[in-house]
C-alpha atoms as a PDB file:
ATOM      1  CA  MET A   1       0.000   0.000   0.000  1.00  0.00           C
ATOM      2  CA  LEU A   2       1.430   3.318  -1.017  1.00  0.00           C
ATOM      3  CA  SER A   3       2.045   5.679   1.867  1.00  0.00           C
ATOM      4  CA  LEU A   4       2.732   9.383   1.627  1.00  0.00           C
ATOM      5  CA  ALA A   5       4.255   9.499   5.128  1.00  0.00           C
ATOM      6  CA  PRO A   6       8.058   9.935   5.359  1.00  0.00           C
ATOM      7  CA  SER A   7       9.963   6.712   5.892  1.00  0.00           C
ATOM      8  CA  LEU A   8      11.460   6.014   9.305  1.00  0.00           C
ATOM      9  CA  GLY A   9      14.836   7.595   9.767  1.00  0.00           C
ATOM     10  CA  ALA A  10      14.402   9.985   6.865  1.00  0.00           C
ATOM     11  CA  PRO A  11      14.612  13.660   7.719  1.00  0.00           C
ATOM     12  CA  ALA A  12      11.328  15.442   7.496  1.00  0.00           C
ATOM     13  CA  LEU A  13      11.095  17.860   4.597  1.00  0.00           C
ATOM     14  CA  ARG A  14      10.817  21.422   5.791  1.00  0.00           C
ATOM     15  CA  ALA A  15      10.117  24.463   3.727  1.00  0.00           C
ATOM     16  CA  ARG A  16      12.939  26.932   3.639  1.00  0.00           C
ATOM     17  CA  PRO A  17      12.168  30.160   5.504  1.00  0.00           C
ATOM     18  CA  SER A  18      12.406  32.143   2.304  1.00  0.00           C
ATOM     19  CA  ALA A  19       9.903  29.829   0.660  1.00  0.00           C
ATOM     20  CA  MET A  20       7.552  30.098   3.613  1.00  0.00           C
ATOM     21  CA  ARG A  21       7.491  33.843   3.219  1.00  0.00           C
ATOM     22  CA  MET A  22       6.629  33.622  -0.424  1.00  0.00           C
ATOM     23  CA  ARG A  23       2.995  33.901  -1.298  1.00  0.00           C
ATOM     24  CA  ALA A  24       1.373  33.424  -4.631  1.00  0.00           C
ATOM     25  CA  ALA A  25       0.857  36.802  -6.187  1.00  0.00           C
ATOM     26  CA  ALA A  26      -2.789  37.572  -6.709  1.00  0.00           C
ATOM     27  CA  PRO A  27      -3.597  38.088 -10.374  1.00  0.00           C
ATOM     28  CA  ARG A  28      -3.650  41.752 -11.221  1.00  0.00           C
ATOM     29  CA  ARG A  29      -7.078  42.967 -12.185  1.00  0.00           C
ATOM     30  CA  ALA A  30      -7.096  44.999 -15.326  1.00  0.00           C
ATOM     31  CA  PRO A  31      -8.608  48.413 -14.726  1.00  0.00           C
ATOM     32  CA  ALA A  32     -11.931  49.219 -16.314  1.00  0.00           C
ATOM     33  CA  VAL A  33     -11.708  51.377 -19.384  1.00  0.00           C
ATOM     34  CA  ALA A  34     -13.834  54.476 -19.653  1.00  0.00           C
ATOM     35  CA  VAL A  35     -15.556  53.962 -22.974  1.00  0.00           C
ATOM     36  CA  ARG A  36     -16.502  56.974 -25.024  1.00  0.00           C
ATOM     37  CA  ALA A  37     -19.206  56.233 -27.535  1.00  0.00           C
ATOM     38  CA  LEU A  38     -18.515  56.801 -31.197  1.00  0.00           C
ATOM     39  CA  ALA A  39     -19.033  60.513 -31.837  1.00  0.00           C
ATOM     40  CA  VAL A  40     -19.442  62.928 -34.736  1.00  0.00           C
ATOM     41  CA  GLY A  41     -16.150  63.300 -36.571  1.00  0.00           C
ATOM     42  CA  ASP A  42     -14.837  59.877 -35.553  1.00  0.00           C
ATOM     43  CA  SER A  43     -13.989  57.228 -38.099  1.00  0.00           C
ATOM     44  CA  LEU A  44     -16.035  54.054 -38.126  1.00  0.00           C
ATOM     45  CA  PRO A  45     -13.858  51.394 -36.433  1.00  0.00           C
ATOM     46  CA  SER A  46     -12.437  48.616 -38.549  1.00  0.00           C
ATOM     47  CA  PHE A  47     -14.258  45.326 -37.979  1.00  0.00           C
ATOM     48  CA  THR A  48     -15.648  42.296 -39.764  1.00  0.00           C
ATOM     49  CA  LEU A  49     -18.725  40.467 -38.479  1.00  0.00           C
ATOM     50  CA  GLU A  50     -20.969  37.623 -39.568  1.00  0.00           C
ATOM     51  CA  THR A  51     -24.363  38.603 -40.931  1.00  0.00           C
ATOM     52  CA  ASP A  52     -27.738  36.877 -40.782  1.00  0.00           C
ATOM     53  CA  THR A  53     -26.893  35.023 -44.011  1.00  0.00           C
ATOM     54  CA  GLY A  54     -23.656  33.603 -42.604  1.00  0.00           C
ATOM     55  CA  SER A  55     -21.479  35.809 -44.806  1.00  0.00           C
ATOM     56  CA  GLN A  56     -18.776  38.129 -43.497  1.00  0.00           C
ATOM     57  CA  LEU A  57     -19.207  41.894 -43.793  1.00  0.00           C
ATOM     58  CA  SER A  58     -16.528  44.463 -43.019  1.00  0.00           C
ATOM     59  CA  SER A  59     -17.065  48.035 -41.913  1.00  0.00           C
ATOM     60  CA  LYS A  60     -14.876  49.087 -44.830  1.00  0.00           C
ATOM     61  CA  ASP A  61     -17.265  47.486 -47.309  1.00  0.00           C
ATOM     62  CA  MET A  62     -20.261  49.048 -45.563  1.00  0.00           C
ATOM     63  CA  VAL A  63     -19.096  52.541 -46.496  1.00  0.00           C
ATOM     64  CA  ARG A  64     -17.059  51.875 -49.634  1.00  0.00           C
ATOM     65  CA  ASP A  65     -19.642  52.995 -52.210  1.00  0.00           C
ATOM     66  CA  HIS A  66     -22.228  54.874 -50.132  1.00  0.00           C
ATOM     67  CA  GLY A  67     -23.028  56.143 -46.682  1.00  0.00           C
ATOM     68  CA  ALA A  68     -24.466  53.914 -43.986  1.00  0.00           C
ATOM     69  CA  VAL A  69     -26.975  54.105 -41.175  1.00  0.00           C
ATOM     70  CA  LEU A  70     -25.932  51.561 -38.567  1.00  0.00           C
ATOM     71  CA  PHE A  71     -28.500  50.974 -35.857  1.00  0.00           C
ATOM     72  CA  ILE A  72     -27.802  48.955 -32.726  1.00  0.00           C
ATOM     73  CA  TYR A  73     -30.536  47.218 -30.774  1.00  0.00           C
ATOM     74  CA  PRO A  74     -30.460  45.301 -27.470  1.00  0.00           C
ATOM     75  CA  GLN A  75     -32.141  42.067 -28.565  1.00  0.00           C
ATOM     76  CA  ALA A  76     -33.894  40.638 -31.599  1.00  0.00           C
ATOM     77  CA  CYS A  77     -37.552  39.621 -31.330  1.00  0.00           C
ATOM     78  CA  THR A  78     -38.350  42.114 -28.552  1.00  0.00           C
ATOM     79  CA  SER A  79     -41.066  44.720 -28.977  1.00  0.00           C
ATOM     80  CA  GLY A  80     -38.931  47.866 -28.942  1.00  0.00           C
ATOM     81  CA  CYS A  81     -36.319  46.424 -31.264  1.00  0.00           C
ATOM     82  CA  THR A  82     -38.974  45.126 -33.653  1.00  0.00           C
ATOM     83  CA  LEU A  83     -40.494  48.617 -33.749  1.00  0.00           C
ATOM     84  CA  GLN A  84     -37.148  50.242 -34.499  1.00  0.00           C
ATOM     85  CA  ALA A  85     -36.153  47.667 -37.118  1.00  0.00           C
ATOM     86  CA  GLY A  86     -39.588  47.818 -38.745  1.00  0.00           C
ATOM     87  CA  GLN A  87     -39.393  51.575 -39.139  1.00  0.00           C
ATOM     88  CA  PHE A  88     -36.010  51.236 -40.817  1.00  0.00           C
ATOM     89  CA  ARG A  89     -37.545  48.615 -43.131  1.00  0.00           C
ATOM     90  CA  ASP A  90     -40.450  50.897 -44.008  1.00  0.00           C
ATOM     91  CA  ASN A  91     -38.142  53.828 -44.808  1.00  0.00           C
ATOM     92  CA  LEU A  92     -35.416  51.905 -46.592  1.00  0.00           C
ATOM     93  CA  ARG A  93     -36.113  53.608 -49.926  1.00  0.00           C
ATOM     94  CA  THR A  94     -35.866  57.073 -48.400  1.00  0.00           C
ATOM     95  CA  PHE A  95     -32.474  56.274 -46.918  1.00  0.00           C
ATOM     96  CA  ALA A  96     -31.279  54.760 -50.207  1.00  0.00           C
ATOM     97  CA  ASP A  97     -32.418  57.804 -52.179  1.00  0.00           C
ATOM     98  CA  SER A  98     -30.403  59.954 -49.778  1.00  0.00           C
ATOM     99  CA  GLY A  99     -27.286  57.854 -50.356  1.00  0.00           C
ATOM    100  CA  TYR A 100     -27.331  55.625 -47.276  1.00  0.00           C
ATOM    101  CA  ALA A 101     -27.609  51.858 -46.844  1.00  0.00           C
ATOM    102  CA  VAL A 102     -29.090  50.510 -43.597  1.00  0.00           C
ATOM    103  CA  TYR A 103     -27.466  47.930 -41.313  1.00  0.00           C
ATOM    104  CA  GLY A 104     -28.549  46.528 -37.965  1.00  0.00           C
ATOM    105  CA  MET A 105     -26.309  45.099 -35.243  1.00  0.00           C
ATOM    106  CA  SER A 106     -26.788  43.279 -31.950  1.00  0.00           C
ATOM    107  CA  ALA A 107     -25.213  40.523 -29.872  1.00  0.00           C
ATOM    108  CA  ASP A 108     -27.756  37.965 -31.114  1.00  0.00           C
ATOM    109  CA  PRO A 109     -26.307  34.961 -32.990  1.00  0.00           C
ATOM    110  CA  PRO A 110     -26.735  34.860 -36.776  1.00  0.00           C
ATOM    111  CA  ALA A 111     -29.478  32.209 -36.608  1.00  0.00           C
ATOM    112  CA  ALA A 112     -31.611  34.402 -34.342  1.00  0.00           C
ATOM    113  CA  GLN A 113     -31.027  37.374 -36.619  1.00  0.00           C
ATOM    114  CA  ALA A 114     -32.047  35.316 -39.646  1.00  0.00           C
ATOM    115  CA  GLY A 115     -35.287  34.097 -38.075  1.00  0.00           C
ATOM    116  CA  TRP A 116     -36.272  37.579 -36.926  1.00  0.00           C
ATOM    117  CA  LYS A 117     -35.434  39.038 -40.332  1.00  0.00           C
ATOM    118  CA  LYS A 118     -37.528  36.440 -42.154  1.00  0.00           C
ATOM    119  CA  GLU A 119     -40.496  36.910 -39.829  1.00  0.00           C
ATOM    120  CA  HIS A 120     -40.635  40.674 -40.325  1.00  0.00           C
ATOM    121  CA  GLY A 121     -39.295  41.052 -43.854  1.00  0.00           C
ATOM    122  CA  TYR A 122     -36.257  43.189 -43.116  1.00  0.00           C
ATOM    123  CA  GLN A 123     -34.376  43.864 -46.333  1.00  0.00           C
ATOM    124  CA  TYR A 124     -31.010  44.930 -44.962  1.00  0.00           C
ATOM    125  CA  PRO A 125     -28.118  43.028 -43.337  1.00  0.00           C
ATOM    126  CA  LEU A 126     -28.174  42.238 -39.622  1.00  0.00           C
ATOM    127  CA  LEU A 127     -24.706  41.910 -38.116  1.00  0.00           C
ATOM    128  CA  SER A 128     -23.983  39.612 -35.205  1.00  0.00           C
ATOM    129  CA  ASP A 129     -21.493  40.432 -32.424  1.00  0.00           C
ATOM    130  CA  PRO A 130     -22.066  37.788 -29.703  1.00  0.00           C
ATOM    131  CA  SER A 131     -18.781  38.615 -27.960  1.00  0.00           C
ATOM    132  CA  LYS A 132     -19.717  42.319 -27.809  1.00  0.00           C
ATOM    133  CA  GLN A 133     -16.166  43.175 -28.810  1.00  0.00           C
ATOM    134  CA  VAL A 134     -17.275  45.591 -31.509  1.00  0.00           C
ATOM    135  CA  LEU A 135     -20.228  46.851 -29.511  1.00  0.00           C
ATOM    136  CA  GLY A 136     -18.139  47.387 -26.442  1.00  0.00           C
ATOM    137  CA  ALA A 137     -14.675  48.828 -26.545  1.00  0.00           C
ATOM    138  CA  LEU A 138     -10.977  48.217 -27.092  1.00  0.00           C
ATOM    139  CA  GLY A 139     -11.245  44.897 -25.327  1.00  0.00           C
ATOM    140  CA  ASP A 140     -13.768  42.452 -23.953  1.00  0.00           C
ATOM    141  CA  LEU A 141     -16.072  42.353 -20.957  1.00  0.00           C
ATOM    142  CA  GLY A 142     -14.862  41.271 -17.557  1.00  0.00           C
ATOM    143  CA  PRO A 143     -16.969  39.052 -15.262  1.00  0.00           C
ATOM    144  CA  ASP A 144     -18.513  42.136 -13.674  1.00  0.00           C
ATOM    145  CA  GLY A 145     -19.392  43.738 -16.994  1.00  0.00           C
ATOM    146  CA  SER A 146     -16.402  46.075 -16.969  1.00  0.00           C
ATOM    147  CA  ILE A 147     -14.260  46.524 -20.035  1.00  0.00           C
ATOM    148  CA  ARG A 148     -10.869  44.849 -19.967  1.00  0.00           C
ATOM    149  CA  PRO A 149      -8.165  46.244 -22.244  1.00  0.00           C
ATOM    150  CA  SER A 150      -6.810  43.827 -24.791  1.00  0.00           C
ATOM    151  CA  PHE A 151      -3.398  43.934 -26.422  1.00  0.00           C
ATOM    152  CA  PRO A 152      -3.370  44.431 -29.281  1.00  0.00           C
ATOM    153  CA  PRO A 153      -6.623  46.410 -29.080  1.00  0.00           C
ATOM    154  CA  VAL A 154      -9.591  44.516 -30.467  1.00  0.00           C
ATOM    155  CA  LEU A 155     -11.163  46.176 -33.467  1.00  0.00           C
ATOM    156  CA  GLY A 156     -12.101  49.584 -32.117  1.00  0.00           C
ATOM    157  CA  ALA A 157     -15.082  50.929 -30.253  1.00  0.00           C
ATOM    158  CA  LEU A 158     -18.704  51.788 -30.835  1.00  0.00           C
ATOM    159  CA  GLY A 159     -19.230  52.458 -27.148  1.00  0.00           C
ATOM    160  CA  ALA A 160     -22.699  50.935 -27.308  1.00  0.00           C
ATOM    161  CA  LEU A 161     -22.494  49.144 -23.953  1.00  0.00           C
ATOM    162  CA  GLY A 162     -23.708  50.508 -20.650  1.00  0.00           C
ATOM    163  CA  PRO A 163     -21.679  50.179 -17.412  1.00  0.00           C
ATOM    164  CA  ASP A 164     -23.332  46.827 -16.696  1.00  0.00           C
ATOM    165  CA  GLY A 165     -22.498  45.405 -20.112  1.00  0.00           C
ATOM    166  CA  SER A 166     -26.020  45.859 -21.484  1.00  0.00           C
ATOM    167  CA  ILE A 167     -26.468  47.133 -25.033  1.00  0.00           C
ATOM    168  CA  ARG A 168     -27.637  50.706 -25.439  1.00  0.00           C
ATOM    169  CA  ARG A 169     -29.940  51.417 -28.359  1.00  0.00           C
ATOM    170  CA  CYS A 170     -28.061  53.620 -30.817  1.00  0.00           C
ATOM    171  CA  HIS A 171     -27.787  54.650 -34.391  1.00  0.00           C
ATOM    172  CA  PHE A 172     -24.881  56.158 -36.297  1.00  0.00           C
ATOM    173  CA  VAL A 173     -25.085  57.947 -39.630  1.00  0.00           C
ATOM    174  CA  VAL A 174     -21.788  57.427 -41.431  1.00  0.00           C
ATOM    175  CA  ALA A 175     -20.648  59.154 -44.610  1.00  0.00           C
ATOM    176  CA  LYS A 176     -19.195  57.305 -47.567  1.00  0.00           C
ATOM    177  CA  GLY A 177     -15.613  56.544 -46.591  1.00  0.00           C
ATOM    178  CA  GLY A 178     -16.321  56.111 -42.871  1.00  0.00           C
ATOM    179  CA  ARG A 179     -16.645  59.486 -41.135  1.00  0.00           C
ATOM    180  CA  VAL A 180     -19.407  59.596 -38.497  1.00  0.00           C
ATOM    181  CA  GLU A 181     -21.853  62.394 -39.312  1.00  0.00           C
ATOM    182  CA  ASP A 182     -24.430  61.824 -36.575  1.00  0.00           C
ATOM    183  CA  ALA A 183     -24.463  59.713 -33.416  1.00  0.00           C
ATOM    184  CA  GLN A 184     -27.508  58.956 -31.294  1.00  0.00           C
ATOM    185  CA  VAL A 185     -26.544  56.845 -28.271  1.00  0.00           C
ATOM    186  CA  GLY A 186     -29.325  55.752 -25.937  1.00  0.00           C
ATOM    187  CA  VAL A 187     -32.016  56.800 -28.413  1.00  0.00           C
ATOM    188  CA  GLY A 188     -35.575  55.532 -27.888  1.00  0.00           C
ATOM    189  CA  SER A 189     -37.073  52.868 -30.125  1.00  0.00           C
ATOM    190  CA  LYS A 190     -39.738  55.299 -31.354  1.00  0.00           C
ATOM    191  CA  ASP A 191     -37.282  58.136 -31.935  1.00  0.00           C
ATOM    192  CA  SER A 192     -34.426  56.411 -33.736  1.00  0.00           C
ATOM    193  CA  VAL A 193     -35.779  56.351 -37.277  1.00  0.00           C
ATOM    194  CA  PRO A 194     -37.423  59.820 -37.203  1.00  0.00           C
ATOM    195  CA  LYS A 195     -34.126  61.297 -35.999  1.00  0.00           C
ATOM    196  CA  ALA A 196     -32.133  59.441 -38.650  1.00  0.00           C
ATOM    197  CA  LEU A 197     -34.556  60.490 -41.390  1.00  0.00           C
ATOM    198  CA  ALA A 198     -34.416  64.116 -40.298  1.00  0.00           C
ATOM    199  CA  PHE A 199     -30.637  64.075 -40.326  1.00  0.00           C
ATOM    200  CA  VAL A 200     -30.198  62.494 -43.766  1.00  0.00           C
ATOM    201  CA  ALA A 201     -32.775  64.951 -45.121  1.00  0.00           C
ATOM    202  CA  THR A 202     -30.622  67.863 -43.967  1.00  0.00           C
ATOM    203  CA  ARG A 203     -27.557  66.259 -45.549  1.00  0.00           C
ATOM    204  CA  ALA A 204     -29.387  65.746 -48.830  1.00  0.00           C
ATOM    205  CA  ALA A 205     -30.606  69.352 -48.793  1.00  0.00           C
ATOM    206  CA  ALA A 206     -27.068  70.612 -48.207  1.00  0.00           C
ATOM    207  CA  LYS A 207     -25.687  68.851 -51.294  1.00  0.00           C
END
């Protein structure tokens, strides 16, 4: 029978004093990063995400040939998000005539996006960011919802997450090439599309 006790006559093993004083260093907690939401004049961060069709779409391609209205919603299939997305669907032609394509984004997986899109007839891409890396900041979420810096920085920031890691409803109007022209962070589901329409109308009138 195997015994872990020291054999008779063998000196007992003792930890050296220096070893006894050594303690395992507690892992250093990365400080939370203060995230500033994407603002007017900023460049759209560089990212590539999977869409509802399973294809990959980059932010560069979103604004290569035209402007973009990117709206961010907390969760597919909920009443407020369905209202917001439906209003974008119903005004898709107006945005297109003003030189802007429409894109939606949330943390829902592509399959959920696809089912929601089919049910309500949305005719624009829905991007999926389950990790919230694009939605969040220059890193990923810690266990407490804080933002942990990542090296190298991950993708860029939309700043669409609240302090608790929840998604804030937003929309960003982005010019062809990637410059942010208008940013509405924390906008209401009923107000998002009217505000976006009003803004693109002023841009069209100024041309």
